Amino acid sequence: MPRSLRYVAFDQLHERYGVMSDAVPGEDVILLVENEAMLSGTNWHPERLFFYRSAARHFARLLEGRGFQVHIHQAKSTTVGLSELKARYPGVPLHATSQNSFRQNERLESIVDVIRANDFFLTPPEVFREWASSQRNIVMEGFYRLQRTRLNVLMEDGKPVGGAWNFDKENRLGPPKNYSWPEPLYFPIDDIDDSVASEMGHTPSGCWSTTREGALAQLERFFSALRQLWALRRCHGSFELVYAPLTFKPVPK
């Protein structure tokens, strides 16, 4: 019998975070559930559904290549699917990462044995709650300043770089006329993409990568195109492009 079951939600597909952080091939079984209710709901764009499902299946293939036993289970709901999978492994604890939805967390509480803290975000919920409880008015600007200070982003000696927290008033002009935007990246449709698209009766655009390699390529292209961040500024009655270099932390591959 396995040591544990690890449920991975479709918005938590990562090998080093959540329940995957200490998962071991041959000891832990990975569970993914394709919620059929999502296909009949009116709030989901088909491209978004395609992206989630195909990305999850690509992730499953990746994990299988790492030696994990992976179940992708179709069910009328996530909780029903997890109950059905859990029944195959009596006595084996089911682990899940705290979900990004309050409603989904409530649904999982009755079936998941171990709910782990969500480490996919820079700010844990308790940090936000502590800050919010000390505020008379909760506004984004205040939270923004907390994050800058707490994470030491663009700060020098406890003060914002440039002497001000933001320069919004100086950056409200639109792009110049006839500005040429970079062309978007497109990704080839592979066998998994094609299978999901066929099941859904959907023609994917190809502009959303469903693999980590593609996502990293998209990220690198964004940084390479905007590494020399250009801001628009009115100067002597005309637009002037001003160079503002940024330094980014590399993303682990």
C-alpha atoms as a PDB file:
ATOM      1  CA  MET A   1       0.000   0.000   0.000  1.00  0.00           C
ATOM      2  CA  PRO A   2       1.217   3.538  -0.684  1.00  0.00           C
ATOM      3  CA  ARG A   3       2.262   5.891   2.081  1.00  0.00           C
ATOM      4  CA  SER A   4      -0.257   8.546   1.053  1.00  0.00           C
ATOM      5  CA  LEU A   5      -2.531   9.860  -1.680  1.00  0.00           C
ATOM      6  CA  ARG A   6      -1.707  13.352  -2.980  1.00  0.00           C
ATOM      7  CA  TYR A   7      -4.486  15.381  -4.622  1.00  0.00           C
ATOM      8  CA  VAL A   8      -3.162  18.015  -7.045  1.00  0.00           C
ATOM      9  CA  ALA A   9      -5.593  20.699  -8.200  1.00  0.00           C
ATOM     10  CA  PHE A  10      -5.347  21.967 -11.762  1.00  0.00           C
ATOM     11  CA  ASP A  11      -4.108  25.379 -10.591  1.00  0.00           C
ATOM     12  CA  GLN A  12      -1.372  23.793  -8.458  1.00  0.00           C
ATOM     13  CA  LEU A  13       0.585  21.857 -11.079  1.00  0.00           C
ATOM     14  CA  HIS A  14       4.138  22.045  -9.770  1.00  0.00           C
ATOM     15  CA  GLU A  15       6.671  19.439  -8.728  1.00  0.00           C
ATOM     16  CA  ARG A  16       8.206  21.425  -5.873  1.00  0.00           C
ATOM     17  CA  TYR A  17       5.237  23.105  -4.185  1.00  0.00           C
ATOM     18  CA  GLY A  18       2.129  21.980  -2.342  1.00  0.00           C
ATOM     19  CA  VAL A  19       1.657  18.255  -1.790  1.00  0.00           C
ATOM     20  CA  MET A  20       4.306  17.473  -4.393  1.00  0.00           C
ATOM     21  CA  SER A  21       7.087  19.112  -2.363  1.00  0.00           C
ATOM     22  CA  ASP A  22       7.946  15.908  -0.477  1.00  0.00           C
ATOM     23  CA  ALA A  23       6.184  13.307  -2.624  1.00  0.00           C
ATOM     24  CA  VAL A  24       8.256  10.221  -3.398  1.00  0.00           C
ATOM     25  CA  PRO A  25       7.827   7.940  -6.435  1.00  0.00           C
ATOM     26  CA  GLY A  26       6.790   4.458  -5.337  1.00  0.00           C
ATOM     27  CA  GLU A  27       5.550   5.737  -1.968  1.00  0.00           C
ATOM     28  CA  ASP A  28       2.923   8.362  -2.792  1.00  0.00           C
ATOM     29  CA  VAL A  29       0.133   8.131  -5.367  1.00  0.00           C
ATOM     30  CA  ILE A  30      -0.858  11.288  -7.248  1.00  0.00           C
ATOM     31  CA  LEU A  31      -4.534  12.050  -7.869  1.00  0.00           C
ATOM     32  CA  LEU A  32      -6.019  14.463 -10.409  1.00  0.00           C
ATOM     33  CA  VAL A  33      -9.755  14.841 -10.975  1.00  0.00           C
ATOM     34  CA  GLU A  34     -11.409  16.064 -14.159  1.00  0.00           C
ATOM     35  CA  ASN A  35     -14.597  17.669 -12.886  1.00  0.00           C
ATOM     36  CA  GLU A  36     -17.322  17.021 -15.463  1.00  0.00           C
ATOM     37  CA  ALA A  37     -19.470  19.795 -13.974  1.00  0.00           C
ATOM     38  CA  MET A  38     -16.972  22.307 -15.320  1.00  0.00           C
ATOM     39  CA  LEU A  39     -17.848  21.306 -18.888  1.00  0.00           C
ATOM     40  CA  SER A  40     -21.539  22.051 -18.408  1.00  0.00           C
ATOM     41  CA  GLY A  41     -21.104  25.266 -16.431  1.00  0.00           C
ATOM     42  CA  THR A  42     -21.750  28.628 -18.062  1.00  0.00           C
ATOM     43  CA  ASN A  43     -18.895  30.517 -16.377  1.00  0.00           C
ATOM     44  CA  TRP A  44     -15.978  28.759 -18.079  1.00  0.00           C
ATOM     45  CA  HIS A  45     -14.506  29.867 -21.367  1.00  0.00           C
ATOM     46  CA  PRO A  46     -13.733  26.781 -23.495  1.00  0.00           C
ATOM     47  CA  GLU A  47     -10.139  27.930 -24.062  1.00  0.00           C
ATOM     48  CA  ARG A  48      -9.603  28.146 -20.321  1.00  0.00           C
ATOM     49  CA  LEU A  49     -11.113  24.692 -19.790  1.00  0.00           C
ATOM     50  CA  PHE A  50      -8.929  23.284 -22.536  1.00  0.00           C
ATOM     51  CA  PHE A  51      -5.859  24.884 -20.968  1.00  0.00           C
ATOM     52  CA  TYR A  52      -6.575  23.438 -17.503  1.00  0.00           C
ATOM     53  CA  ARG A  53      -7.338  19.923 -18.710  1.00  0.00           C
ATOM     54  CA  SER A  54      -4.480  19.655 -21.152  1.00  0.00           C
ATOM     55  CA  ALA A  55      -1.978  21.143 -18.687  1.00  0.00           C
ATOM     56  CA  ALA A  56      -3.094  18.612 -16.052  1.00  0.00           C
ATOM     57  CA  ARG A  57      -2.652  15.693 -18.441  1.00  0.00           C
ATOM     58  CA  HIS A  58       0.775  16.948 -19.457  1.00  0.00           C
ATOM     59  CA  PHE A  59       1.675  17.214 -15.779  1.00  0.00           C
ATOM     60  CA  ALA A  60       0.475  13.649 -15.210  1.00  0.00           C
ATOM     61  CA  ARG A  61       2.672  12.402 -18.056  1.00  0.00           C
ATOM     62  CA  LEU A  62       5.634  14.298 -16.593  1.00  0.00           C
ATOM     63  CA  LEU A  63       5.105  12.704 -13.168  1.00  0.00           C
ATOM     64  CA  GLU A  64       4.727   9.249 -14.664  1.00  0.00           C
ATOM     65  CA  GLY A  65       8.057   9.809 -16.360  1.00  0.00           C
ATOM     66  CA  ARG A  66       9.476  10.542 -12.901  1.00  0.00           C
ATOM     67  CA  GLY A  67       8.226   7.159 -11.664  1.00  0.00           C
ATOM     68  CA  PHE A  68       5.000   8.242  -9.921  1.00  0.00           C
ATOM     69  CA  GLN A  69       1.759   6.321 -10.091  1.00  0.00           C
ATOM     70  CA  VAL A  70      -0.813   8.854 -11.283  1.00  0.00           C
ATOM     71  CA  HIS A  71      -4.599   8.627 -11.505  1.00  0.00           C
ATOM     72  CA  ILE A  72      -6.541  11.050 -13.709  1.00  0.00           C
ATOM     73  CA  HIS A  73     -10.135  10.388 -12.770  1.00  0.00           C
ATOM     74  CA  GLN A  74     -13.242  11.766 -14.440  1.00  0.00           C
ATOM     75  CA  ALA A  75     -16.158  12.388 -12.088  1.00  0.00           C
ATOM     76  CA  LYS A  76     -19.220  14.602 -11.788  1.00  0.00           C
ATOM     77  CA  SER A  77     -17.448  16.664  -9.121  1.00  0.00           C
ATOM     78  CA  THR A  78     -14.043  16.888  -7.462  1.00  0.00           C
ATOM     79  CA  THR A  79     -15.259  15.534  -4.128  1.00  0.00           C
ATOM     80  CA  VAL A  80     -17.045  12.611  -5.787  1.00  0.00           C
ATOM     81  CA  GLY A  81     -13.912  11.813  -7.767  1.00  0.00           C
ATOM     82  CA  LEU A  82     -11.687  11.930  -4.691  1.00  0.00           C
ATOM     83  CA  SER A  83     -14.136   9.737  -2.752  1.00  0.00           C
ATOM     84  CA  GLU A  84     -14.080   7.164  -5.534  1.00  0.00           C
ATOM     85  CA  LEU A  85     -10.291   7.185  -5.716  1.00  0.00           C
ATOM     86  CA  LYS A  86      -9.918   7.064  -1.947  1.00  0.00           C
ATOM     87  CA  ALA A  87     -12.135   3.987  -1.819  1.00  0.00           C
ATOM     88  CA  ARG A  88      -9.505   2.133  -3.860  1.00  0.00           C
ATOM     89  CA  TYR A  89      -6.950   2.698  -1.091  1.00  0.00           C
ATOM     90  CA  PRO A  90      -8.696   2.081   2.254  1.00  0.00           C
ATOM     91  CA  GLY A  91      -6.787   3.442   5.211  1.00  0.00           C
ATOM     92  CA  VAL A  92      -4.360   5.498   3.132  1.00  0.00           C
ATOM     93  CA  PRO A  93      -4.422   9.202   4.136  1.00  0.00           C
ATOM     94  CA  LEU A  94      -5.393  11.757   1.493  1.00  0.00           C
ATOM     95  CA  HIS A  95      -3.304  14.934   1.399  1.00  0.00           C
ATOM     96  CA  ALA A  96      -4.204  18.185  -0.361  1.00  0.00           C
ATOM     97  CA  THR A  97      -2.865  21.706  -0.455  1.00  0.00           C
ATOM     98  CA  SER A  98      -5.184  24.429   0.787  1.00  0.00           C
ATOM     99  CA  GLN A  99      -7.182  25.512  -2.232  1.00  0.00           C
ATOM    100  CA  ASN A 100      -7.312  28.935  -3.848  1.00  0.00           C
ATOM    101  CA  SER A 101     -11.093  28.929  -3.377  1.00  0.00           C
ATOM    102  CA  PHE A 102     -12.878  29.186  -0.008  1.00  0.00           C
ATOM    103  CA  ARG A 103     -15.762  27.149  -1.419  1.00  0.00           C
ATOM    104  CA  GLN A 104     -13.485  24.369  -2.619  1.00  0.00           C
ATOM    105  CA  ASN A 105     -11.718  24.271   0.741  1.00  0.00           C
ATOM    106  CA  GLU A 106     -15.060  23.774   2.463  1.00  0.00           C
ATOM    107  CA  ARG A 107     -15.928  20.933   0.112  1.00  0.00           C
ATOM    108  CA  LEU A 108     -12.617  19.152   0.701  1.00  0.00           C
ATOM    109  CA  GLU A 109     -12.640  19.389   4.498  1.00  0.00           C
ATOM    110  CA  SER A 110     -14.943  16.388   4.836  1.00  0.00           C
ATOM    111  CA  ILE A 111     -12.828  14.063   2.693  1.00  0.00           C
ATOM    112  CA  VAL A 112      -9.182  15.200   2.913  1.00  0.00           C
ATOM    113  CA  ASP A 113      -7.218  13.895   5.902  1.00  0.00           C
ATOM    114  CA  VAL A 114      -4.312  16.355   5.741  1.00  0.00           C
ATOM    115  CA  ILE A 115      -4.666  19.883   4.359  1.00  0.00           C
ATOM    116  CA  ARG A 116      -1.313  21.591   3.913  1.00  0.00           C
ATOM    117  CA  ALA A 117      -0.575  25.297   3.889  1.00  0.00           C
ATOM    118  CA  ASN A 118      -0.659  26.853   0.431  1.00  0.00           C
ATOM    119  CA  ASP A 119       2.884  27.861  -0.509  1.00  0.00           C
ATOM    120  CA  PHE A 120       2.091  29.000  -4.065  1.00  0.00           C
ATOM    121  CA  PHE A 121       1.770  32.644  -3.004  1.00  0.00           C
ATOM    122  CA  LEU A 122       4.233  35.123  -1.522  1.00  0.00           C
ATOM    123  CA  THR A 123       1.758  36.087   1.196  1.00  0.00           C
ATOM    124  CA  PRO A 124       0.136  33.512   3.510  1.00  0.00           C
ATOM    125  CA  PRO A 125      -3.489  34.290   4.501  1.00  0.00           C
ATOM    126  CA  GLU A 126      -2.508  34.900   8.125  1.00  0.00           C
ATOM    127  CA  VAL A 127      -0.135  37.709   7.100  1.00  0.00           C
ATOM    128  CA  PHE A 128      -2.937  39.447   5.229  1.00  0.00           C
ATOM    129  CA  ARG A 129      -5.400  38.922   8.091  1.00  0.00           C
ATOM    130  CA  GLU A 130      -2.948  40.400  10.609  1.00  0.00           C
ATOM    131  CA  TRP A 131      -2.386  43.442   8.402  1.00  0.00           C
ATOM    132  CA  ALA A 132      -6.102  43.891   7.633  1.00  0.00           C
ATOM    133  CA  SER A 133      -7.054  43.750  11.321  1.00  0.00           C
ATOM    134  CA  SER A 134      -4.815  46.774  11.970  1.00  0.00           C
ATOM    135  CA  GLN A 135      -6.308  48.944   9.215  1.00  0.00           C
ATOM    136  CA  ARG A 136      -9.181  51.392   9.498  1.00  0.00           C
ATOM    137  CA  ASN A 137      -9.689  51.190   5.753  1.00  0.00           C
ATOM    138  CA  ILE A 138      -8.473  48.307   3.610  1.00  0.00           C
ATOM    139  CA  VAL A 139      -7.136  49.712   0.353  1.00  0.00           C
ATOM    140  CA  MET A 140      -4.748  48.253  -2.212  1.00  0.00           C
ATOM    141  CA  GLU A 141      -2.184  51.034  -1.781  1.00  0.00           C
ATOM    142  CA  GLY A 142      -1.696  50.110   1.867  1.00  0.00           C
ATOM    143  CA  PHE A 143      -1.270  46.426   1.083  1.00  0.00           C
ATOM    144  CA  TYR A 144       1.097  47.302  -1.752  1.00  0.00           C
ATOM    145  CA  ARG A 145       3.330  49.230   0.647  1.00  0.00           C
ATOM    146  CA  LEU A 146       3.249  46.349   3.129  1.00  0.00           C
ATOM    147  CA  GLN A 147       4.425  43.949   0.445  1.00  0.00           C
ATOM    148  CA  ARG A 148       7.177  46.244  -0.777  1.00  0.00           C
ATOM    149  CA  THR A 149       8.492  46.605   2.779  1.00  0.00           C
ATOM    150  CA  ARG A 150       7.997  43.012   3.898  1.00  0.00           C
ATOM    151  CA  LEU A 151       9.585  41.508   0.783  1.00  0.00           C
ATOM    152  CA  ASN A 152      12.178  44.273   0.347  1.00  0.00           C
ATOM    153  CA  VAL A 153      11.139  45.015  -3.229  1.00  0.00           C
ATOM    154  CA  LEU A 154      12.588  48.247  -4.655  1.00  0.00           C
ATOM    155  CA  MET A 155      13.491  49.483  -1.169  1.00  0.00           C
ATOM    156  CA  GLU A 156      16.610  51.221   0.133  1.00  0.00           C
ATOM    157  CA  ASP A 157      17.208  51.688   3.856  1.00  0.00           C
ATOM    158  CA  GLY A 158      13.526  51.089   4.530  1.00  0.00           C
ATOM    159  CA  LYS A 159      12.391  53.691   2.014  1.00  0.00           C
ATOM    160  CA  PRO A 160      11.037  53.272  -1.532  1.00  0.00           C
ATOM    161  CA  VAL A 161      13.544  53.620  -4.333  1.00  0.00           C
ATOM    162  CA  GLY A 162      13.123  56.973  -6.051  1.00  0.00           C
ATOM    163  CA  GLY A 163      11.668  58.642  -2.962  1.00  0.00           C
ATOM    164  CA  ALA A 164       8.018  57.761  -3.663  1.00  0.00           C
ATOM    165  CA  TRP A 165       5.836  54.658  -3.417  1.00  0.00           C
ATOM    166  CA  ASN A 166       4.506  55.024  -6.931  1.00  0.00           C
ATOM    167  CA  PHE A 167       4.633  57.294  -9.944  1.00  0.00           C
ATOM    168  CA  ASP A 168       1.152  56.572 -11.254  1.00  0.00           C
ATOM    169  CA  LYS A 169       0.430  60.175 -12.149  1.00  0.00           C
ATOM    170  CA  GLU A 170       3.414  60.191 -14.492  1.00  0.00           C
ATOM    171  CA  ASN A 171       2.461  56.952 -16.222  1.00  0.00           C
ATOM    172  CA  ARG A 172      -1.100  57.410 -17.425  1.00  0.00           C
ATOM    173  CA  LEU A 173      -0.460  58.158 -21.057  1.00  0.00           C
ATOM    174  CA  GLY A 174      -1.312  55.651 -23.727  1.00  0.00           C
ATOM    175  CA  PRO A 175       1.145  54.232 -26.263  1.00  0.00           C
ATOM    176  CA  PRO A 176       2.016  56.352 -29.261  1.00  0.00           C
ATOM    177  CA  LYS A 177      -0.038  56.037 -32.420  1.00  0.00           C
ATOM    178  CA  ASN A 178       0.982  53.212 -34.750  1.00  0.00           C
ATOM    179  CA  TYR A 179       2.921  51.510 -31.964  1.00  0.00           C
ATOM    180  CA  SER A 180       4.037  48.014 -33.014  1.00  0.00           C
ATOM    181  CA  TRP A 181       3.312  45.427 -30.336  1.00  0.00           C
ATOM    182  CA  PRO A 182       5.413  42.232 -30.184  1.00  0.00           C
ATOM    183  CA  GLU A 183       3.838  39.258 -31.907  1.00  0.00           C
ATOM    184  CA  PRO A 184       2.477  36.609 -29.493  1.00  0.00           C
ATOM    185  CA  LEU A 185       4.105  33.208 -29.181  1.00  0.00           C
ATOM    186  CA  TYR A 186       2.231  30.203 -30.513  1.00  0.00           C
ATOM    187  CA  PHE A 187       2.809  26.632 -29.416  1.00  0.00           C
ATOM    188  CA  PRO A 188       2.380  23.462 -31.488  1.00  0.00           C
ATOM    189  CA  ILE A 189      -0.578  21.231 -30.660  1.00  0.00           C
ATOM    190  CA  ASP A 190       0.674  17.838 -29.461  1.00  0.00           C
ATOM    191  CA  ASP A 191      -1.128  14.533 -28.962  1.00  0.00           C
ATOM    192  CA  ILE A 192      -2.450  15.423 -25.505  1.00  0.00           C
ATOM    193  CA  ASP A 193      -3.687  18.825 -26.675  1.00  0.00           C
ATOM    194  CA  ASP A 194      -5.348  17.202 -29.664  1.00  0.00           C
ATOM    195  CA  SER A 195      -7.059  14.568 -27.500  1.00  0.00           C
ATOM    196  CA  VAL A 196      -8.455  17.124 -25.042  1.00  0.00           C
ATOM    197  CA  ALA A 197      -9.569  19.451 -27.828  1.00  0.00           C
ATOM    198  CA  SER A 198     -11.311  16.567 -29.599  1.00  0.00           C
ATOM    199  CA  GLU A 199     -13.147  15.532 -26.412  1.00  0.00           C
ATOM    200  CA  MET A 200     -14.329  19.103 -25.883  1.00  0.00           C
ATOM    201  CA  GLY A 201     -15.121  19.872 -29.509  1.00  0.00           C
ATOM    202  CA  HIS A 202     -12.857  22.883 -29.198  1.00  0.00           C
ATOM    203  CA  THR A 203     -10.236  24.361 -31.523  1.00  0.00           C
ATOM    204  CA  PRO A 204      -7.394  25.706 -29.339  1.00  0.00           C
ATOM    205  CA  SER A 205      -5.741  28.983 -30.274  1.00  0.00           C
ATOM    206  CA  GLY A 206      -2.230  27.686 -29.641  1.00  0.00           C
ATOM    207  CA  CYS A 207      -1.218  30.792 -27.725  1.00  0.00           C
ATOM    208  CA  TRP A 208      -1.466  29.131 -24.281  1.00  0.00           C
ATOM    209  CA  SER A 209       1.287  26.669 -23.500  1.00  0.00           C
ATOM    210  CA  THR A 210       0.125  23.518 -21.722  1.00  0.00           C
ATOM    211  CA  THR A 211       3.633  22.416 -20.684  1.00  0.00           C
ATOM    212  CA  ARG A 212       6.091  23.883 -18.209  1.00  0.00           C
ATOM    213  CA  GLU A 213       8.739  24.156 -20.903  1.00  0.00           C
ATOM    214  CA  GLY A 214       6.377  26.262 -22.994  1.00  0.00           C
ATOM    215  CA  ALA A 215       5.361  28.372 -20.014  1.00  0.00           C
ATOM    216  CA  LEU A 216       9.010  29.106 -19.212  1.00  0.00           C
ATOM    217  CA  ALA A 217       9.600  30.010 -22.848  1.00  0.00           C
ATOM    218  CA  GLN A 218       6.678  32.418 -22.676  1.00  0.00           C
ATOM    219  CA  LEU A 219       8.044  33.918 -19.462  1.00  0.00           C
ATOM    220  CA  GLU A 220      11.532  34.330 -20.895  1.00  0.00           C
ATOM    221  CA  ARG A 221      10.143  35.973 -24.010  1.00  0.00           C
ATOM    222  CA  PHE A 222       8.187  38.411 -21.858  1.00  0.00           C
ATOM    223  CA  PHE A 223      11.302  39.297 -19.883  1.00  0.00           C
ATOM    224  CA  SER A 224      13.512  39.546 -22.942  1.00  0.00           C
ATOM    225  CA  ALA A 225      11.004  41.827 -24.676  1.00  0.00           C
ATOM    226  CA  LEU A 226      10.467  43.987 -21.603  1.00  0.00           C
ATOM    227  CA  ARG A 227      13.786  43.665 -19.818  1.00  0.00           C
ATOM    228  CA  GLN A 228      14.407  47.207 -20.911  1.00  0.00           C
ATOM    229  CA  LEU A 229      11.120  48.456 -19.586  1.00  0.00           C
ATOM    230  CA  TRP A 230       9.893  51.454 -21.538  1.00  0.00           C
ATOM    231  CA  ALA A 231       7.690  54.055 -19.932  1.00  0.00           C
ATOM    232  CA  LEU A 232       5.928  56.792 -21.830  1.00  0.00           C
ATOM    233  CA  ARG A 233       6.567  60.329 -20.746  1.00  0.00           C
ATOM    234  CA  ARG A 234       5.453  63.661 -22.075  1.00  0.00           C
ATOM    235  CA  CYS A 235       8.476  65.834 -22.788  1.00  0.00           C
ATOM    236  CA  HIS A 236       8.230  69.275 -24.365  1.00  0.00           C
ATOM    237  CA  GLY A 237       4.811  68.510 -25.757  1.00  0.00           C
ATOM    238  CA  SER A 238       5.788  65.184 -27.336  1.00  0.00           C
ATOM    239  CA  PHE A 239       6.235  61.582 -26.285  1.00  0.00           C
ATOM    240  CA  GLU A 240       9.638  60.389 -25.216  1.00  0.00           C
ATOM    241  CA  LEU A 241      10.629  56.789 -24.518  1.00  0.00           C
ATOM    242  CA  VAL A 242      12.527  56.513 -21.277  1.00  0.00           C
ATOM    243  CA  TYR A 243      14.724  53.535 -20.473  1.00  0.00           C
ATOM    244  CA  ALA A 244      14.134  51.919 -17.086  1.00  0.00           C
ATOM    245  CA  PRO A 245      16.102  48.668 -16.559  1.00  0.00           C
ATOM    246  CA  LEU A 246      14.742  45.971 -14.258  1.00  0.00           C
ATOM    247  CA  THR A 247      16.400  42.947 -12.711  1.00  0.00           C
ATOM    248  CA  PHE A 248      14.376  39.751 -12.424  1.00  0.00           C
ATOM    249  CA  LYS A 249      14.949  36.716 -10.243  1.00  0.00           C
ATOM    250  CA  PRO A 250      15.499  33.618 -12.409  1.00  0.00           C
ATOM    251  CA  VAL A 251      12.710  31.046 -12.349  1.00  0.00           C
ATOM    252  CA  PRO A 252      13.925  27.518 -11.493  1.00  0.00           C
ATOM    253  CA  LYS A 253      13.419  25.090 -14.355  1.00  0.00           C
END
